[in-house]
Amino acid sequence: MEYEVYLRREVFEFLRQRRNEERDLLLTLFRSLGKDPYRRGDFAEMDGTGRAIEVLVFRRYAILYWADHAAKELKVTEVRFADR
């Protein structure tokens, strides 16, 4: 089942600053995560509530996300440069 994908405002702003090609690649990746919400990242980080946040390294970016299986939503919480 495909999940709805939600972006935090900061992710949206990050995307606005990217070139069209990069933005389209990232949006395609987000959609693919919504189609495969059980996909694991390359590693996980714990947030302040103890929730595991998946971190997927894609090209030069680190995409942080978690799946809310009860709501059938995938939440992209942060996109940052992977070398940070």
N, C-alpha and C. Protein backbone atom coordinates (compact mmCIF):
# COMPACT_ATOMS: atom_id res chain seq x y z
N MET A 1 0.84 -1.18 0.00
CA MET A 1 0.00 0.00 0.00
C MET A 1 0.88 1.24 0.00
N GLU A 2 0.52 2.19 -0.80
CA GLU A 2 1.29 3.43 -0.89
C GLU A 2 0.88 4.39 0.21
N TYR A 3 1.88 4.99 0.85
CA TYR A 3 1.65 5.96 1.91
C TYR A 3 1.68 7.37 1.34
N GLU A 4 0.95 8.26 1.98
CA GLU A 4 1.06 9.68 1.68
C GLU A 4 2.43 10.15 2.16
N VAL A 5 3.05 11.03 1.42
CA VAL A 5 4.35 11.56 1.80
C VAL A 5 4.18 13.01 2.25
N TYR A 6 4.69 13.30 3.44
CA TYR A 6 4.62 14.65 3.99
C TYR A 6 6.03 15.19 4.18
N LEU A 7 6.20 16.45 3.84
CA LEU A 7 7.50 17.13 3.99
C LEU A 7 7.38 18.21 5.05
N ARG A 8 8.38 18.27 5.92
CA ARG A 8 8.45 19.40 6.85
C ARG A 8 8.71 20.67 6.05
N ARG A 9 8.33 21.78 6.61
CA ARG A 9 8.51 23.07 5.94
C ARG A 9 9.98 23.29 5.55
N GLU A 10 10.90 22.88 6.42
CA GLU A 10 12.33 23.06 6.14
C GLU A 10 12.76 22.24 4.91
N VAL A 11 12.16 21.09 4.73
CA VAL A 11 12.47 20.26 3.55
C VAL A 11 11.95 20.96 2.30
N PHE A 12 10.75 21.47 2.38
CA PHE A 12 10.18 22.21 1.26
C PHE A 12 11.08 23.39 0.88
N GLU A 13 11.54 24.14 1.87
CA GLU A 13 12.42 25.28 1.60
C GLU A 13 13.74 24.82 1.01
N PHE A 14 14.28 23.71 1.49
CA PHE A 14 15.51 23.16 0.94
C PHE A 14 15.31 22.82 -0.54
N LEU A 15 14.18 22.21 -0.87
CA LEU A 15 13.90 21.85 -2.26
C LEU A 15 13.78 23.09 -3.15
N ARG A 16 13.18 24.14 -2.62
CA ARG A 16 13.03 25.37 -3.41
C ARG A 16 14.38 25.95 -3.83
N GLN A 17 15.42 25.67 -3.06
CA GLN A 17 16.74 26.22 -3.34
C GLN A 17 17.55 25.35 -4.31
N ARG A 18 17.04 24.20 -4.67
CA ARG A 18 17.75 23.29 -5.57
C ARG A 18 17.39 23.60 -7.02
N ARG A 19 18.27 23.20 -7.91
CA ARG A 19 17.97 23.30 -9.34
C ARG A 19 16.84 22.32 -9.67
N ASN A 20 16.14 22.57 -10.76
CA ASN A 20 14.99 21.75 -11.14
C ASN A 20 15.34 20.27 -11.21
N GLU A 21 16.46 19.94 -11.81
CA GLU A 21 16.84 18.53 -11.97
C GLU A 21 17.04 17.86 -10.61
N GLU A 22 17.75 18.51 -9.72
CA GLU A 22 17.97 17.95 -8.38
C GLU A 22 16.66 17.84 -7.61
N ARG A 23 15.84 18.87 -7.70
CA ARG A 23 14.55 18.86 -7.00
C ARG A 23 13.68 17.70 -7.51
N ASP A 24 13.64 17.51 -8.83
CA ASP A 24 12.84 16.42 -9.39
C ASP A 24 13.35 15.06 -8.95
N LEU A 25 14.67 14.89 -8.88
CA LEU A 25 15.23 13.61 -8.41
C LEU A 25 14.84 13.34 -6.96
N LEU A 26 14.92 14.36 -6.13
CA LEU A 26 14.56 14.18 -4.73
C LEU A 26 13.06 13.90 -4.58
N LEU A 27 12.22 14.59 -5.32
CA LEU A 27 10.78 14.34 -5.24
C LEU A 27 10.44 12.93 -5.71
N THR A 28 11.12 12.46 -6.74
CA THR A 28 10.92 11.08 -7.20
C THR A 28 11.33 10.09 -6.12
N LEU A 29 12.43 10.38 -5.44
CA LEU A 29 12.87 9.51 -4.35
C LEU A 29 11.83 9.51 -3.22
N PHE A 30 11.31 10.66 -2.87
CA PHE A 30 10.30 10.72 -1.81
C PHE A 30 9.07 9.89 -2.19
N ARG A 31 8.64 9.99 -3.45
CA ARG A 31 7.49 9.19 -3.89
C ARG A 31 7.79 7.70 -3.79
N SER A 32 9.02 7.31 -4.14
CA SER A 32 9.38 5.89 -4.07
C SER A 32 9.39 5.40 -2.63
N LEU A 33 9.78 6.27 -1.70
CA LEU A 33 9.72 5.89 -0.28
C LEU A 33 8.27 5.69 0.16
N GLY A 34 7.37 6.52 -0.35
CA GLY A 34 5.95 6.36 -0.04
C GLY A 34 5.38 5.06 -0.58
N LYS A 35 5.95 4.58 -1.68
CA LYS A 35 5.50 3.31 -2.27
C LYS A 35 6.11 2.11 -1.56
N ASP A 36 7.20 2.33 -0.84
CA ASP A 36 7.88 1.27 -0.10
C ASP A 36 8.18 1.77 1.31
N PRO A 37 7.15 1.98 2.13
CA PRO A 37 7.34 2.63 3.43
C PRO A 37 8.14 1.80 4.44
N TYR A 38 8.38 0.54 4.15
CA TYR A 38 9.17 -0.30 5.06
C TYR A 38 10.66 -0.29 4.69
N ARG A 39 11.00 0.47 3.68
CA ARG A 39 12.40 0.56 3.25
C ARG A 39 13.26 1.15 4.36
N ARG A 40 14.35 0.49 4.62
CA ARG A 40 15.28 0.96 5.64
C ARG A 40 16.28 1.91 5.01
N GLY A 41 16.76 2.84 5.79
CA GLY A 41 17.80 3.73 5.33
C GLY A 41 19.16 3.06 5.45
N ASP A 42 20.19 3.81 5.22
CA ASP A 42 21.55 3.29 5.36
C ASP A 42 21.92 3.14 6.84
N PHE A 43 21.29 3.95 7.66
CA PHE A 43 21.43 3.84 9.12
C PHE A 43 20.28 4.60 9.75
N ALA A 44 20.17 4.54 11.05
CA ALA A 44 19.08 5.24 11.75
C ALA A 44 19.66 6.13 12.84
N GLU A 45 18.96 7.21 13.11
CA GLU A 45 19.27 8.11 14.22
C GLU A 45 18.04 8.16 15.11
N MET A 46 18.25 8.37 16.39
CA MET A 46 17.12 8.51 17.31
C MET A 46 16.78 9.99 17.45
N ASP A 47 15.48 10.29 17.42
CA ASP A 47 15.08 11.68 17.66
C ASP A 47 14.86 11.90 19.15
N GLY A 48 14.43 13.06 19.52
CA GLY A 48 14.26 13.42 20.93
C GLY A 48 13.22 12.59 21.66
N THR A 49 12.31 11.95 20.92
CA THR A 49 11.28 11.12 21.55
C THR A 49 11.66 9.65 21.60
N GLY A 50 12.85 9.32 21.06
CA GLY A 50 13.27 7.92 21.02
C GLY A 50 12.84 7.19 19.76
N ARG A 51 12.25 7.90 18.82
CA ARG A 51 11.83 7.30 17.55
C ARG A 51 13.04 7.13 16.64
N ALA A 52 13.11 6.00 15.96
CA ALA A 52 14.18 5.76 14.99
C ALA A 52 13.84 6.52 13.71
N ILE A 53 14.73 7.38 13.29
CA ILE A 53 14.59 8.12 12.05
C ILE A 53 15.56 7.50 11.05
N GLU A 54 15.02 7.02 9.94
CA GLU A 54 15.86 6.42 8.90
C GLU A 54 16.66 7.52 8.19
N VAL A 55 17.89 7.22 7.87
CA VAL A 55 18.75 8.15 7.13
C VAL A 55 19.20 7.43 5.86
N LEU A 56 18.76 7.93 4.74
CA LEU A 56 19.10 7.36 3.45
C LEU A 56 20.05 8.32 2.73
N VAL A 57 21.21 7.84 2.36
CA VAL A 57 22.16 8.66 1.61
C VAL A 57 21.87 8.46 0.13
N PHE A 58 21.58 9.56 -0.54
CA PHE A 58 21.23 9.56 -1.96
C PHE A 58 22.05 10.64 -2.64
N ARG A 59 22.98 10.20 -3.48
CA ARG A 59 23.91 11.12 -4.12
C ARG A 59 24.63 11.94 -3.07
N ARG A 60 24.46 13.25 -3.06
CA ARG A 60 25.16 14.08 -2.07
C ARG A 60 24.27 14.48 -0.90
N TYR A 61 23.10 13.86 -0.81
CA TYR A 61 22.13 14.23 0.22
C TYR A 61 21.91 13.12 1.24
N ALA A 62 21.57 13.53 2.45
CA ALA A 62 21.09 12.60 3.48
C ALA A 62 19.62 12.95 3.70
N ILE A 63 18.75 11.97 3.47
CA ILE A 63 17.31 12.16 3.62
C ILE A 63 16.88 11.47 4.91
N LEU A 64 16.27 12.22 5.82
CA LEU A 64 15.81 11.68 7.10
C LEU A 64 14.30 11.54 7.05
N TYR A 65 13.80 10.37 7.41
CA TYR A 65 12.37 10.11 7.31
C TYR A 65 11.95 9.02 8.28
N TRP A 66 10.64 8.95 8.52
CA TRP A 66 10.09 7.86 9.29
C TRP A 66 8.68 7.58 8.79
N ALA A 67 8.27 6.36 8.94
CA ALA A 67 6.95 5.94 8.49
C ALA A 67 6.01 5.84 9.68
N ASP A 68 4.87 6.50 9.55
CA ASP A 68 3.81 6.40 10.54
C ASP A 68 2.83 5.36 9.99
N HIS A 69 3.06 4.11 10.38
CA HIS A 69 2.28 3.01 9.81
C HIS A 69 0.81 3.07 10.22
N ALA A 70 0.51 3.58 11.39
CA ALA A 70 -0.88 3.68 11.83
C ALA A 70 -1.66 4.64 10.93
N ALA A 71 -1.02 5.75 10.53
CA ALA A 71 -1.67 6.75 9.69
C ALA A 71 -1.41 6.52 8.20
N LYS A 72 -0.53 5.56 7.88
CA LYS A 72 -0.13 5.29 6.50
C LYS A 72 0.46 6.55 5.84
N GLU A 73 1.41 7.14 6.57
CA GLU A 73 2.09 8.34 6.10
C GLU A 73 3.60 8.17 6.25
N LEU A 74 4.32 8.72 5.29
CA LEU A 74 5.77 8.76 5.37
C LEU A 74 6.17 10.21 5.55
N LYS A 75 6.94 10.49 6.58
CA LYS A 75 7.28 11.86 6.93
C LYS A 75 8.76 12.11 6.67
N VAL A 76 9.04 13.00 5.74
CA VAL A 76 10.42 13.41 5.46
C VAL A 76 10.69 14.61 6.37
N THR A 77 11.59 14.41 7.31
CA THR A 77 11.81 15.42 8.34
C THR A 77 12.98 16.35 8.04
N GLU A 78 13.92 15.87 7.24
CA GLU A 78 15.10 16.70 6.96
C GLU A 78 15.81 16.19 5.71
N VAL A 79 16.36 17.12 4.97
CA VAL A 79 17.29 16.81 3.87
C VAL A 79 18.49 17.69 4.11
N ARG A 80 19.66 17.07 4.12
CA ARG A 80 20.88 17.84 4.33
C ARG A 80 21.97 17.27 3.44
N PHE A 81 23.03 18.01 3.31
CA PHE A 81 24.15 17.50 2.54
C PHE A 81 24.81 16.38 3.32
N ALA A 82 25.12 15.28 2.67
CA ALA A 82 25.60 14.08 3.34
C ALA A 82 26.97 14.28 3.98
N ASP A 83 27.72 15.24 3.55
CA ASP A 83 29.07 15.44 4.10
C ASP A 83 29.07 16.27 5.36
N ARG A 84 27.91 16.64 5.87
CA ARG A 84 27.84 17.43 7.12
C ARG A 84 27.90 16.55 8.31
